[in-house]
Amino acid sequence: MEDLLPEISNLLHDHKGQDISVLDLRKFEIWTDFFVIATTSSRTHMDGLERHLKEYCREREIEILGSSRKSADDEWRLLDLHVPCLGSVIIHLMSKHARDFYELERLWSSIT
């Protein structure tokens, strides 16, 4: 399972996810251990990435604790994974607009 984060990053990259980031949040001792963030080009692209991620998790018996619901203004989707021996991984699939607005990498780096 230690290869999970690079594998997820590669899966997102292979399916045209953009600007993929992995944030290690273990030092904060909060509700999650890692964020994986990727920008999507459209709602259809977001749907496809989510489908590929769910299939990947199903094949590897990785538990998905939850995922956000689709909405009319669907610009940000989450998948919350529980990974044995690694911890909690939250995958953020975001439109460019949402990614630029929320700036998760800057937000979390400013906390340190």
PDB file of N, CA and C in Angstrom:
ATOM      1  N   MET A   1       0.813  -1.210   0.000  1.00  0.00           N
ATOM      2  CA  MET A   1       0.000   0.000   0.000  1.00  0.00           C
ATOM      3  C   MET A   1       0.856   1.274   0.000  1.00  0.00           C
ATOM      4  N   GLU A   2       2.163   1.154   0.261  1.00  0.00           N
ATOM      5  CA  GLU A   2       2.981   2.360   0.290  1.00  0.00           C
ATOM      6  C   GLU A   2       3.119   3.013  -1.078  1.00  0.00           C
ATOM      7  N   ASP A   3       2.808   2.282  -2.154  1.00  0.00           N
ATOM      8  CA  ASP A   3       2.859   2.845  -3.505  1.00  0.00           C
ATOM      9  C   ASP A   3       1.557   3.529  -3.898  1.00  0.00           C
ATOM     10  N   LEU A   4       0.604   3.573  -2.991  1.00  0.00           N
ATOM     11  CA  LEU A   4      -0.723   4.081  -3.316  1.00  0.00           C
ATOM     12  C   LEU A   4      -0.704   5.523  -3.820  1.00  0.00           C
ATOM     13  N   LEU A   5      -0.022   6.415  -3.131  1.00  0.00           N
ATOM     14  CA  LEU A   5      -0.047   7.826  -3.530  1.00  0.00           C
ATOM     15  C   LEU A   5       0.562   8.042  -4.912  1.00  0.00           C
ATOM     16  N   PRO A   6       1.727   7.452  -5.217  1.00  0.00           N
ATOM     17  CA  PRO A   6       2.229   7.584  -6.584  1.00  0.00           C
ATOM     18  C   PRO A   6       1.302   6.931  -7.616  1.00  0.00           C
ATOM     19  N   GLU A   7       0.689   5.813  -7.267  1.00  0.00           N
ATOM     20  CA  GLU A   7      -0.225   5.152  -8.200  1.00  0.00           C
ATOM     21  C   GLU A   7      -1.452   6.020  -8.477  1.00  0.00           C
ATOM     22  N   ILE A   8      -2.006   6.630  -7.440  1.00  0.00           N
ATOM     23  CA  ILE A   8      -3.158   7.518  -7.629  1.00  0.00           C
ATOM     24  C   ILE A   8      -2.744   8.727  -8.462  1.00  0.00           C
ATOM     25  N   SER A   9      -1.599   9.296  -8.168  1.00  0.00           N
ATOM     26  CA  SER A   9      -1.107  10.431  -8.959  1.00  0.00           C
ATOM     27  C   SER A   9      -0.946  10.045 -10.421  1.00  0.00           C
ATOM     28  N   ASN A  10      -0.377   8.867 -10.671  1.00  0.00           N
ATOM     29  CA  ASN A  10      -0.199   8.388 -12.045  1.00  0.00           C
ATOM     30  C   ASN A  10      -1.538   8.136 -12.728  1.00  0.00           C
ATOM     31  N   LEU A  11      -2.488   7.569 -11.998  1.00  0.00           N
ATOM     32  CA  LEU A  11      -3.815   7.329 -12.566  1.00  0.00           C
ATOM     33  C   LEU A  11      -4.443   8.652 -12.993  1.00  0.00           C
ATOM     34  N   LEU A  12      -4.378   9.650 -12.118  1.00  0.00           N
ATOM     35  CA  LEU A  12      -4.932  10.967 -12.448  1.00  0.00           C
ATOM     36  C   LEU A  12      -4.218  11.570 -13.653  1.00  0.00           C
ATOM     37  N   HIS A  13      -2.913  11.458 -13.677  1.00  0.00           N
ATOM     38  CA  HIS A  13      -2.127  11.985 -14.797  1.00  0.00           C
ATOM     39  C   HIS A  13      -2.471  11.258 -16.100  1.00  0.00           C
ATOM     40  N   ASP A  14      -2.564   9.935 -16.040  1.00  0.00           N
ATOM     41  CA  ASP A  14      -2.871   9.137 -17.235  1.00  0.00           C
ATOM     42  C   ASP A  14      -4.240   9.481 -17.822  1.00  0.00           C
ATOM     43  N   HIS A  15      -5.143   9.960 -16.969  1.00  0.00           N
ATOM     44  CA  HIS A  15      -6.495  10.314 -17.419  1.00  0.00           C
ATOM     45  C   HIS A  15      -6.673  11.835 -17.495  1.00  0.00           C
ATOM     46  N   LYS A  16      -5.560  12.522 -17.701  1.00  0.00           N
ATOM     47  CA  LYS A  16      -5.526  13.951 -18.011  1.00  0.00           C
ATOM     48  C   LYS A  16      -5.885  14.875 -16.853  1.00  0.00           C
ATOM     49  N   GLY A  17      -5.765  14.371 -15.606  1.00  0.00           N
ATOM     50  CA  GLY A  17      -5.849  15.273 -14.468  1.00  0.00           C
ATOM     51  C   GLY A  17      -4.678  16.243 -14.542  1.00  0.00           C
ATOM     52  N   GLN A  18      -4.871  17.474 -14.133  1.00  0.00           N
ATOM     53  CA  GLN A  18      -3.840  18.498 -14.265  1.00  0.00           C
ATOM     54  C   GLN A  18      -3.371  18.983 -12.898  1.00  0.00           C
ATOM     55  N   ASP A  19      -2.133  19.471 -12.856  1.00  0.00           N
ATOM     56  CA  ASP A  19      -1.574  20.114 -11.666  1.00  0.00           C
ATOM     57  C   ASP A  19      -1.798  19.264 -10.411  1.00  0.00           C
ATOM     58  N   ILE A  20      -1.367  18.015 -10.453  1.00  0.00           N
ATOM     59  CA  ILE A  20      -1.610  17.060  -9.374  1.00  0.00           C
ATOM     60  C   ILE A  20      -0.637  17.320  -8.230  1.00  0.00           C
ATOM     61  N   SER A  21      -1.189  17.429  -7.023  1.00  0.00           N
ATOM     62  CA  SER A  21      -0.381  17.660  -5.821  1.00  0.00           C
ATOM     63  C   SER A  21      -0.729  16.625  -4.767  1.00  0.00           C
ATOM     64  N   VAL A  22       0.267  16.222  -4.005  1.00  0.00           N
ATOM     65  CA  VAL A  22       0.054  15.363  -2.838  1.00  0.00           C
ATOM     66  C   VAL A  22       0.572  16.135  -1.637  1.00  0.00           C
ATOM     67  N   LEU A  23      -0.297  16.354  -0.653  1.00  0.00           N
ATOM     68  CA  LEU A  23       0.091  17.057   0.569  1.00  0.00           C
ATOM     69  C   LEU A  23       0.133  16.067   1.717  1.00  0.00           C
ATOM     70  N   ASP A  24       1.246  16.005   2.406  1.00  0.00           N
ATOM     71  CA  ASP A  24       1.407  15.156   3.583  1.00  0.00           C
ATOM     72  C   ASP A  24       0.990  15.988   4.794  1.00  0.00           C
ATOM     73  N   LEU A  25      -0.117  15.633   5.412  1.00  0.00           N
ATOM     74  CA  LEU A  25      -0.678  16.409   6.526  1.00  0.00           C
ATOM     75  C   LEU A  25      -0.526  15.701   7.870  1.00  0.00           C
ATOM     76  N   ARG A  26       0.262  14.640   7.907  1.00  0.00           N
ATOM     77  CA  ARG A  26       0.382  13.857   9.145  1.00  0.00           C
ATOM     78  C   ARG A  26       0.898  14.686  10.313  1.00  0.00           C
ATOM     79  N   LYS A  27       1.748  15.660  10.057  1.00  0.00           N
ATOM     80  CA  LYS A  27       2.313  16.452  11.162  1.00  0.00           C
ATOM     81  C   LYS A  27       1.266  17.296  11.875  1.00  0.00           C
ATOM     82  N   PHE A  28       0.115  17.524  11.226  1.00  0.00           N
ATOM     83  CA  PHE A  28      -0.937  18.334  11.845  1.00  0.00           C
ATOM     84  C   PHE A  28      -1.815  17.534  12.794  1.00  0.00           C
ATOM     85  N   GLU A  29      -1.736  16.191  12.707  1.00  0.00           N
ATOM     86  CA  GLU A  29      -2.536  15.307  13.547  1.00  0.00           C
ATOM     87  C   GLU A  29      -4.010  15.709  13.516  1.00  0.00           C
ATOM     88  N   ILE A  30      -4.556  15.755  12.306  1.00  0.00           N
ATOM     89  CA  ILE A  30      -5.955  16.131  12.099  1.00  0.00           C
ATOM     90  C   ILE A  30      -6.738  14.940  11.572  1.00  0.00           C
ATOM     91  N   TRP A  31      -7.871  15.182  10.976  1.00  0.00           N
ATOM     92  CA  TRP A  31      -8.783  14.134  10.528  1.00  0.00           C
ATOM     93  C   TRP A  31      -8.298  13.342   9.325  1.00  0.00           C
ATOM     94  N   THR A  32      -7.241  13.780   8.666  1.00  0.00           N
ATOM     95  CA  THR A  32      -6.734  13.065   7.506  1.00  0.00           C
ATOM     96  C   THR A  32      -5.216  13.086   7.499  1.00  0.00           C
ATOM     97  N   ASP A  33      -4.633  12.190   6.738  1.00  0.00           N
ATOM     98  CA  ASP A  33      -3.182  12.110   6.657  1.00  0.00           C
ATOM     99  C   ASP A  33      -2.626  12.717   5.364  1.00  0.00           C
ATOM    100  N   PHE A  34      -3.382  12.596   4.279  1.00  0.00           N
ATOM    101  CA  PHE A  34      -2.920  13.094   2.981  1.00  0.00           C
ATOM    102  C   PHE A  34      -4.063  13.713   2.207  1.00  0.00           C
ATOM    103  N   PHE A  35      -3.752  14.739   1.426  1.00  0.00           N
ATOM    104  CA  PHE A  35      -4.630  15.262   0.378  1.00  0.00           C
ATOM    105  C   PHE A  35      -3.971  14.930  -0.952  1.00  0.00           C
ATOM    106  N   VAL A  36      -4.760  14.516  -1.899  1.00  0.00           N
ATOM    107  CA  VAL A  36      -4.337  14.441  -3.298  1.00  0.00           C
ATOM    108  C   VAL A  36      -5.272  15.392  -4.032  1.00  0.00           C
ATOM    109  N   ILE A  37      -4.703  16.343  -4.765  1.00  0.00           N
ATOM    110  CA  ILE A  37      -5.492  17.383  -5.420  1.00  0.00           C
ATOM    111  C   ILE A  37      -5.197  17.352  -6.918  1.00  0.00           C
ATOM    112  N   ALA A  38      -6.258  17.404  -7.714  1.00  0.00           N
ATOM    113  CA  ALA A  38      -6.096  17.448  -9.172  1.00  0.00           C
ATOM    114  C   ALA A  38      -7.128  18.392  -9.770  1.00  0.00           C
ATOM    115  N   THR A  39      -6.717  19.093 -10.811  1.00  0.00           N
ATOM    116  CA  THR A  39      -7.615  19.981 -11.545  1.00  0.00           C
ATOM    117  C   THR A  39      -8.230  19.206 -12.703  1.00  0.00           C
ATOM    118  N   THR A  40      -9.525  19.421 -12.908  1.00  0.00           N
ATOM    119  CA  THR A  40     -10.241  18.783 -14.012  1.00  0.00           C
ATOM    120  C   THR A  40     -10.652  19.845 -15.027  1.00  0.00           C
ATOM    121  N   SER A  41     -10.885  19.412 -16.253  1.00  0.00           N
ATOM    122  CA  SER A  41     -11.197  20.362 -17.319  1.00  0.00           C
ATOM    123  C   SER A  41     -12.697  20.577 -17.531  1.00  0.00           C
ATOM    124  N   SER A  42     -13.525  19.681 -16.994  1.00  0.00           N
ATOM    125  CA  SER A  42     -14.977  19.803 -17.162  1.00  0.00           C
ATOM    126  C   SER A  42     -15.674  18.879 -16.169  1.00  0.00           C
ATOM    127  N   ARG A  43     -16.971  19.009 -16.072  1.00  0.00           N
ATOM    128  CA  ARG A  43     -17.751  18.121 -15.202  1.00  0.00           C
ATOM    129  C   ARG A  43     -17.659  16.683 -15.709  1.00  0.00           C
ATOM    130  N   THR A  44     -17.673  16.498 -17.016  1.00  0.00           N
ATOM    131  CA  THR A  44     -17.552  15.160 -17.589  1.00  0.00           C
ATOM    132  C   THR A  44     -16.194  14.552 -17.248  1.00  0.00           C
ATOM    133  N   HIS A  45     -15.156  15.362 -17.329  1.00  0.00           N
ATOM    134  CA  HIS A  45     -13.813  14.906 -16.968  1.00  0.00           C
ATOM    135  C   HIS A  45     -13.771  14.510 -15.488  1.00  0.00           C
ATOM    136  N   MET A  46     -14.392  15.317 -14.638  1.00  0.00           N
ATOM    137  CA  MET A  46     -14.452  15.027 -13.204  1.00  0.00           C
ATOM    138  C   MET A  46     -15.168  13.697 -12.957  1.00  0.00           C
ATOM    139  N   ASP A  47     -16.279  13.494 -13.653  1.00  0.00           N
ATOM    140  CA  ASP A  47     -17.024  12.230 -13.531  1.00  0.00           C
ATOM    141  C   ASP A  47     -16.144  11.042 -13.917  1.00  0.00           C
ATOM    142  N   GLY A  48     -15.410  11.187 -15.007  1.00  0.00           N
ATOM    143  CA  GLY A  48     -14.541  10.107 -15.473  1.00  0.00           C
ATOM    144  C   GLY A  48     -13.431   9.800 -14.490  1.00  0.00           C
ATOM    145  N   LEU A  49     -12.783  10.846 -13.959  1.00  0.00           N
ATOM    146  CA  LEU A  49     -11.721  10.629 -12.967  1.00  0.00           C
ATOM    147  C   LEU A  49     -12.271   9.946 -11.720  1.00  0.00           C
ATOM    148  N   GLU A  50     -13.434  10.378 -11.283  1.00  0.00           N
ATOM    149  CA  GLU A  50     -14.038   9.751 -10.107  1.00  0.00           C
ATOM    150  C   GLU A  50     -14.324   8.277 -10.379  1.00  0.00           C
ATOM    151  N   ARG A  51     -14.831   7.977 -11.550  1.00  0.00           N
ATOM    152  CA  ARG A  51     -15.126   6.581 -11.913  1.00  0.00           C
ATOM    153  C   ARG A  51     -13.849   5.739 -11.922  1.00  0.00           C
ATOM    154  N   HIS A  52     -12.768   6.264 -12.509  1.00  0.00           N
ATOM    155  CA  HIS A  52     -11.492   5.536 -12.539  1.00  0.00           C
ATOM    156  C   HIS A  52     -10.942   5.336 -11.125  1.00  0.00           C
ATOM    157  N   LEU A  53     -11.056   6.347 -10.281  1.00  0.00           N
ATOM    158  CA  LEU A  53     -10.564   6.224  -8.907  1.00  0.00           C
ATOM    159  C   LEU A  53     -11.353   5.175  -8.132  1.00  0.00           C
ATOM    160  N   LYS A  54     -12.666   5.168  -8.293  1.00  0.00           N
ATOM    161  CA  LYS A  54     -13.496   4.184  -7.593  1.00  0.00           C
ATOM    162  C   LYS A  54     -13.185   2.762  -8.067  1.00  0.00           C
ATOM    163  N   GLU A  55     -12.963   2.611  -9.359  1.00  0.00           N
ATOM    164  CA  GLU A  55     -12.590   1.303  -9.896  1.00  0.00           C
ATOM    165  C   GLU A  55     -11.234   0.858  -9.333  1.00  0.00           C
ATOM    166  N   TYR A  56     -10.270   1.768  -9.295  1.00  0.00           N
ATOM    167  CA  TYR A  56      -8.947   1.494  -8.728  1.00  0.00           C
ATOM    168  C   TYR A  56      -9.085   1.020  -7.273  1.00  0.00           C
ATOM    169  N   CYS A  57      -9.881   1.725  -6.494  1.00  0.00           N
ATOM    170  CA  CYS A  57     -10.071   1.359  -5.080  1.00  0.00           C
ATOM    171  C   CYS A  57     -10.763   0.013  -4.943  1.00  0.00           C
ATOM    172  N   ARG A  58     -11.757  -0.229  -5.763  1.00  0.00           N
ATOM    173  CA  ARG A  58     -12.475  -1.512  -5.712  1.00  0.00           C
ATOM    174  C   ARG A  58     -11.523  -2.665  -6.020  1.00  0.00           C
ATOM    175  N   GLU A  59     -10.676  -2.504  -7.033  1.00  0.00           N
ATOM    176  CA  GLU A  59      -9.735  -3.564  -7.417  1.00  0.00           C
ATOM    177  C   GLU A  59      -8.717  -3.844  -6.314  1.00  0.00           C
ATOM    178  N   ARG A  60      -8.367  -2.851  -5.537  1.00  0.00           N
ATOM    179  CA  ARG A  60      -7.349  -3.004  -4.487  1.00  0.00           C
ATOM    180  C   ARG A  60      -7.955  -3.140  -3.092  1.00  0.00           C
ATOM    181  N   GLU A  61      -9.280  -3.248  -3.054  1.00  0.00           N
ATOM    182  CA  GLU A  61     -10.013  -3.401  -1.793  1.00  0.00           C
ATOM    183  C   GLU A  61      -9.695  -2.274  -0.815  1.00  0.00           C
ATOM    184  N   ILE A  62      -9.657  -1.072  -1.348  1.00  0.00           N
ATOM    185  CA  ILE A  62      -9.468   0.131  -0.536  1.00  0.00           C
ATOM    186  C   ILE A  62     -10.856   0.684  -0.225  1.00  0.00           C
ATOM    187  N   GLU A  63     -11.113   0.898   1.055  1.00  0.00           N
ATOM    188  CA  GLU A  63     -12.425   1.360   1.482  1.00  0.00           C
ATOM    189  C   GLU A  63     -12.605   2.848   1.184  1.00  0.00           C
ATOM    190  N   ILE A  64     -13.708   3.174   0.518  1.00  0.00           N
ATOM    191  CA  ILE A  64     -14.093   4.568   0.309  1.00  0.00           C
ATOM    192  C   ILE A  64     -15.100   4.892   1.398  1.00  0.00           C
ATOM    193  N   LEU A  65     -14.688   5.757   2.326  1.00  0.00           N
ATOM    194  CA  LEU A  65     -15.549   6.097   3.453  1.00  0.00           C
ATOM    195  C   LEU A  65     -16.674   7.023   3.030  1.00  0.00           C
ATOM    196  N   GLY A  66     -16.413   7.819   2.022  1.00  0.00           N
ATOM    197  CA  GLY A  66     -17.441   8.734   1.546  1.00  0.00           C
ATOM    198  C   GLY A  66     -16.972   9.468   0.319  1.00  0.00           C
ATOM    199  N   SER A  67     -17.943  10.027  -0.381  1.00  0.00           N
ATOM    200  CA  SER A  67     -17.633  10.896  -1.511  1.00  0.00           C
ATOM    201  C   SER A  67     -18.708  11.967  -1.548  1.00  0.00           C
ATOM    202  N   SER A  68     -18.332  13.132  -2.058  1.00  0.00           N
ATOM    203  CA  SER A  68     -19.282  14.228  -2.101  1.00  0.00           C
ATOM    204  C   SER A  68     -20.349  13.950  -3.146  1.00  0.00           C
ATOM    205  N   ARG A  69     -21.467  14.553  -2.961  1.00  0.00           N
ATOM    206  CA  ARG A  69     -22.572  14.391  -3.904  1.00  0.00           C
ATOM    207  C   ARG A  69     -22.404  15.338  -5.080  1.00  0.00           C
ATOM    208  N   LYS A  70     -22.907  14.913  -6.222  1.00  0.00           N
ATOM    209  CA  LYS A  70     -22.872  15.775  -7.402  1.00  0.00           C
ATOM    210  C   LYS A  70     -23.915  16.874  -7.235  1.00  0.00           C
ATOM    211  N   SER A  71     -23.591  18.057  -7.733  1.00  0.00           N
ATOM    212  CA  SER A  71     -24.536  19.163  -7.676  1.00  0.00           C
ATOM    213  C   SER A  71     -24.509  19.900  -9.007  1.00  0.00           C
ATOM    214  N   ALA A  72     -25.452  20.808  -9.188  1.00  0.00           N
ATOM    215  CA  ALA A  72     -25.561  21.545 -10.452  1.00  0.00           C
ATOM    216  C   ALA A  72     -24.309  22.372 -10.726  1.00  0.00           C
ATOM    217  N   ASP A  73     -23.695  22.902  -9.685  1.00  0.00           N
ATOM    218  CA  ASP A  73     -22.490  23.735  -9.863  1.00  0.00           C
ATOM    219  C   ASP A  73     -21.243  22.940  -9.477  1.00  0.00           C
ATOM    220  N   ASP A  74     -21.200  21.718  -9.882  1.00  0.00           N
ATOM    221  CA  ASP A  74     -20.182  20.739  -9.502  1.00  0.00           C
ATOM    222  C   ASP A  74     -18.769  21.189  -9.882  1.00  0.00           C
ATOM    223  N   GLU A  75     -18.076  21.851  -8.950  1.00  0.00           N
ATOM    224  CA  GLU A  75     -16.724  22.325  -9.210  1.00  0.00           C
ATOM    225  C   GLU A  75     -15.689  21.666  -8.307  1.00  0.00           C
ATOM    226  N   TRP A  76     -16.158  20.884  -7.335  1.00  0.00           N
ATOM    227  CA  TRP A  76     -15.242  20.279  -6.380  1.00  0.00           C
ATOM    228  C   TRP A  76     -15.853  18.980  -5.889  1.00  0.00           C
ATOM    229  N   ARG A  77     -15.130  17.905  -6.040  1.00  0.00           N
ATOM    230  CA  ARG A  77     -15.604  16.610  -5.584  1.00  0.00           C
ATOM    231  C   ARG A  77     -14.546  15.968  -4.701  1.00  0.00           C
ATOM    232  N   LEU A  78     -14.980  15.276  -3.660  1.00  0.00           N
ATOM    233  CA  LEU A  78     -14.076  14.622  -2.710  1.00  0.00           C
ATOM    234  C   LEU A  78     -14.316  13.122  -2.687  1.00  0.00           C
ATOM    235  N   LEU A  79     -13.228  12.388  -2.496  1.00  0.00           N
ATOM    236  CA  LEU A  79     -13.303  10.969  -2.167  1.00  0.00           C
ATOM    237  C   LEU A  79     -12.457  10.772  -0.917  1.00  0.00           C
ATOM    238  N   ASP A  80     -13.033  10.186   0.087  1.00  0.00           N
ATOM    239  CA  ASP A  80     -12.367   9.958   1.369  1.00  0.00           C
ATOM    240  C   ASP A  80     -12.038   8.474   1.471  1.00  0.00           C
ATOM    241  N   LEU A  81     -10.745   8.156   1.441  1.00  0.00           N
ATOM    242  CA  LEU A  81     -10.299   6.764   1.443  1.00  0.00           C
ATOM    243  C   LEU A  81      -9.678   6.391   2.780  1.00  0.00           C
ATOM    244  N   HIS A  82      -9.924   5.168   3.203  1.00  0.00           N
ATOM    245  CA  HIS A  82      -9.213   4.612   4.352  1.00  0.00           C
ATOM    246  C   HIS A  82      -8.269   3.553   3.808  1.00  0.00           C
ATOM    247  N   VAL A  83      -6.967   3.773   4.017  1.00  0.00           N
ATOM    248  CA  VAL A  83      -5.951   2.897   3.449  1.00  0.00           C
ATOM    249  C   VAL A  83      -5.162   2.254   4.592  1.00  0.00           C
ATOM    250  N   PRO A  84      -5.269   0.931   4.750  1.00  0.00           N
ATOM    251  CA  PRO A  84      -4.487   0.268   5.799  1.00  0.00           C
ATOM    252  C   PRO A  84      -3.002   0.579   5.647  1.00  0.00           C
ATOM    253  N   CYS A  85      -2.324   0.764   6.752  1.00  0.00           N
ATOM    254  CA  CYS A  85      -0.883   1.036   6.812  1.00  0.00           C
ATOM    255  C   CYS A  85      -0.496   2.406   6.262  1.00  0.00           C
ATOM    256  N   LEU A  86      -1.447   3.202   5.809  1.00  0.00           N
ATOM    257  CA  LEU A  86      -1.133   4.539   5.300  1.00  0.00           C
ATOM    258  C   LEU A  86      -1.968   5.588   6.010  1.00  0.00           C
ATOM    259  N   GLY A  87      -3.227   5.298   6.231  1.00  0.00           N
ATOM    260  CA  GLY A  87      -4.105   6.231   6.916  1.00  0.00           C
ATOM    261  C   GLY A  87      -5.225   6.722   6.015  1.00  0.00           C
ATOM    262  N   SER A  88      -5.647   7.924   6.280  1.00  0.00           N
ATOM    263  CA  SER A  88      -6.743   8.535   5.545  1.00  0.00           C
ATOM    264  C   SER A  88      -6.195   9.382   4.401  1.00  0.00           C
ATOM    265  N   VAL A  89      -6.795   9.222   3.228  1.00  0.00           N
ATOM    266  CA  VAL A  89      -6.410   9.989   2.046  1.00  0.00           C
ATOM    267  C   VAL A  89      -7.669  10.627   1.483  1.00  0.00           C
ATOM    268  N   ILE A  90      -7.661  11.934   1.359  1.00  0.00           N
ATOM    269  CA  ILE A  90      -8.792  12.634   0.755  1.00  0.00           C
ATOM    270  C   ILE A  90      -8.347  13.132  -0.615  1.00  0.00           C
ATOM    271  N   ILE A  91      -9.097  12.711  -1.630  1.00  0.00           N
ATOM    272  CA  ILE A  91      -8.803  13.117  -2.996  1.00  0.00           C
ATOM    273  C   ILE A  91      -9.753  14.248  -3.366  1.00  0.00           C
ATOM    274  N   HIS A  92      -9.182  15.354  -3.814  1.00  0.00           N
ATOM    275  CA  HIS A  92      -9.940  16.528  -4.236  1.00  0.00           C
ATOM    276  C   HIS A  92      -9.864  16.617  -5.760  1.00  0.00           C
ATOM    277  N   LEU A  93     -10.998  16.546  -6.425  1.00  0.00           N
ATOM    278  CA  LEU A  93     -11.081  16.786  -7.861  1.00  0.00           C
ATOM    279  C   LEU A  93     -11.752  18.149  -8.011  1.00  0.00           C
ATOM    280  N   MET A  94     -11.037  19.108  -8.591  1.00  0.00           N
ATOM    281  CA  MET A  94     -11.516  20.489  -8.596  1.00  0.00           C
ATOM    282  C   MET A  94     -11.457  21.098  -9.995  1.00  0.00           C
ATOM    283  N   SER A  95     -12.434  21.943 -10.287  1.00  0.00           N
ATOM    284  CA  SER A  95     -12.346  22.740 -11.509  1.00  0.00           C
ATOM    285  C   SER A  95     -11.206  23.740 -11.326  1.00  0.00           C
ATOM    286  N   LYS A  96     -10.735  24.307 -12.411  1.00  0.00           N
ATOM    287  CA  LYS A  96      -9.679  25.319 -12.320  1.00  0.00           C
ATOM    288  C   LYS A  96     -10.148  26.502 -11.483  1.00  0.00           C
ATOM    289  N   HIS A  97     -11.395  26.907 -11.677  1.00  0.00           N
ATOM    290  CA  HIS A  97     -11.951  28.028 -10.916  1.00  0.00           C
ATOM    291  C   HIS A  97     -11.915  27.753  -9.414  1.00  0.00           C
ATOM    292  N   ALA A  98     -12.382  26.578  -9.000  1.00  0.00           N
ATOM    293  CA  ALA A  98     -12.390  26.224  -7.574  1.00  0.00           C
ATOM    294  C   ALA A  98     -10.966  26.103  -7.052  1.00  0.00           C
ATOM    295  N   ARG A  99     -10.099  25.515  -7.827  1.00  0.00           N
ATOM    296  CA  ARG A  99      -8.694  25.335  -7.402  1.00  0.00           C
ATOM    297  C   ARG A  99      -8.031  26.685  -7.175  1.00  0.00           C
ATOM    298  N   ASP A 100      -8.234  27.620  -8.098  1.00  0.00           N
ATOM    299  CA  ASP A 100      -7.657  28.959  -7.961  1.00  0.00           C
ATOM    300  C   ASP A 100      -8.272  29.718  -6.784  1.00  0.00           C
ATOM    301  N   PHE A 101      -9.570  29.529  -6.558  1.00  0.00           N
ATOM    302  CA  PHE A 101     -10.259  30.257  -5.490  1.00  0.00           C
ATOM    303  C   PHE A 101      -9.846  29.759  -4.102  1.00  0.00           C
ATOM    304  N   TYR A 102      -9.830  28.459  -3.892  1.00  0.00           N
ATOM    305  CA  TYR A 102      -9.572  27.907  -2.553  1.00  0.00           C
ATOM    306  C   TYR A 102      -8.094  27.769  -2.223  1.00  0.00           C
ATOM    307  N   GLU A 103      -7.227  27.632  -3.213  1.00  0.00           N
ATOM    308  CA  GLU A 103      -5.780  27.561  -3.010  1.00  0.00           C
ATOM    309  C   GLU A 103      -5.397  26.670  -1.823  1.00  0.00           C
ATOM    310  N   LEU A 104      -5.797  25.406  -1.873  1.00  0.00           N
ATOM    311  CA  LEU A 104      -5.563  24.491  -0.752  1.00  0.00           C
ATOM    312  C   LEU A 104      -4.083  24.347  -0.399  1.00  0.00           C
ATOM    313  N   GLU A 105      -3.225  24.275  -1.408  1.00  0.00           N
ATOM    314  CA  GLU A 105      -1.792  24.128  -1.121  1.00  0.00           C
ATOM    315  C   GLU A 105      -1.280  25.328  -0.337  1.00  0.00           C
ATOM    316  N   ARG A 106      -1.664  26.527  -0.743  1.00  0.00           N
ATOM    317  CA  ARG A 106      -1.223  27.737  -0.034  1.00  0.00           C
ATOM    318  C   ARG A 106      -1.818  27.782   1.374  1.00  0.00           C
ATOM    319  N   LEU A 107      -3.073  27.440   1.494  1.00  0.00           N
ATOM    320  CA  LEU A 107      -3.731  27.430   2.801  1.00  0.00           C
ATOM    321  C   LEU A 107      -3.004  26.525   3.778  1.00  0.00           C
ATOM    322  N   TRP A 108      -2.735  25.277   3.370  1.00  0.00           N
ATOM    323  CA  TRP A 108      -2.099  24.321   4.268  1.00  0.00           C
ATOM    324  C   TRP A 108      -0.629  24.647   4.502  1.00  0.00           C
ATOM    325  N   SER A 109       0.052  25.214   3.525  1.00  0.00           N
ATOM    326  CA  SER A 109       1.457  25.565   3.743  1.00  0.00           C
ATOM    327  C   SER A 109       1.590  26.769   4.672  1.00  0.00           C
ATOM    328  N   SER A 110       0.576  27.618   4.724  1.00  0.00           N
ATOM    329  CA  SER A 110       0.638  28.788   5.596  1.00  0.00           C
ATOM    330  C   SER A 110       0.401  28.445   7.062  1.00  0.00           C
ATOM    331  N   ILE A 111      -0.139  27.266   7.330  1.00  0.00           N
ATOM    332  CA  ILE A 111      -0.416  26.838   8.701  1.00  0.00           C
ATOM    333  C   ILE A 111       0.864  26.405   9.419  1.00  0.00           C
ATOM    334  N   THR A 112       1.849  25.958   8.679  1.00  0.00           N
ATOM    335  CA  THR A 112       3.061  25.448   9.312  1.00  0.00           C
ATOM    336  C   THR A 112       3.895  26.531   9.944  1.00  0.00           C
TER     337      THR A 112
END
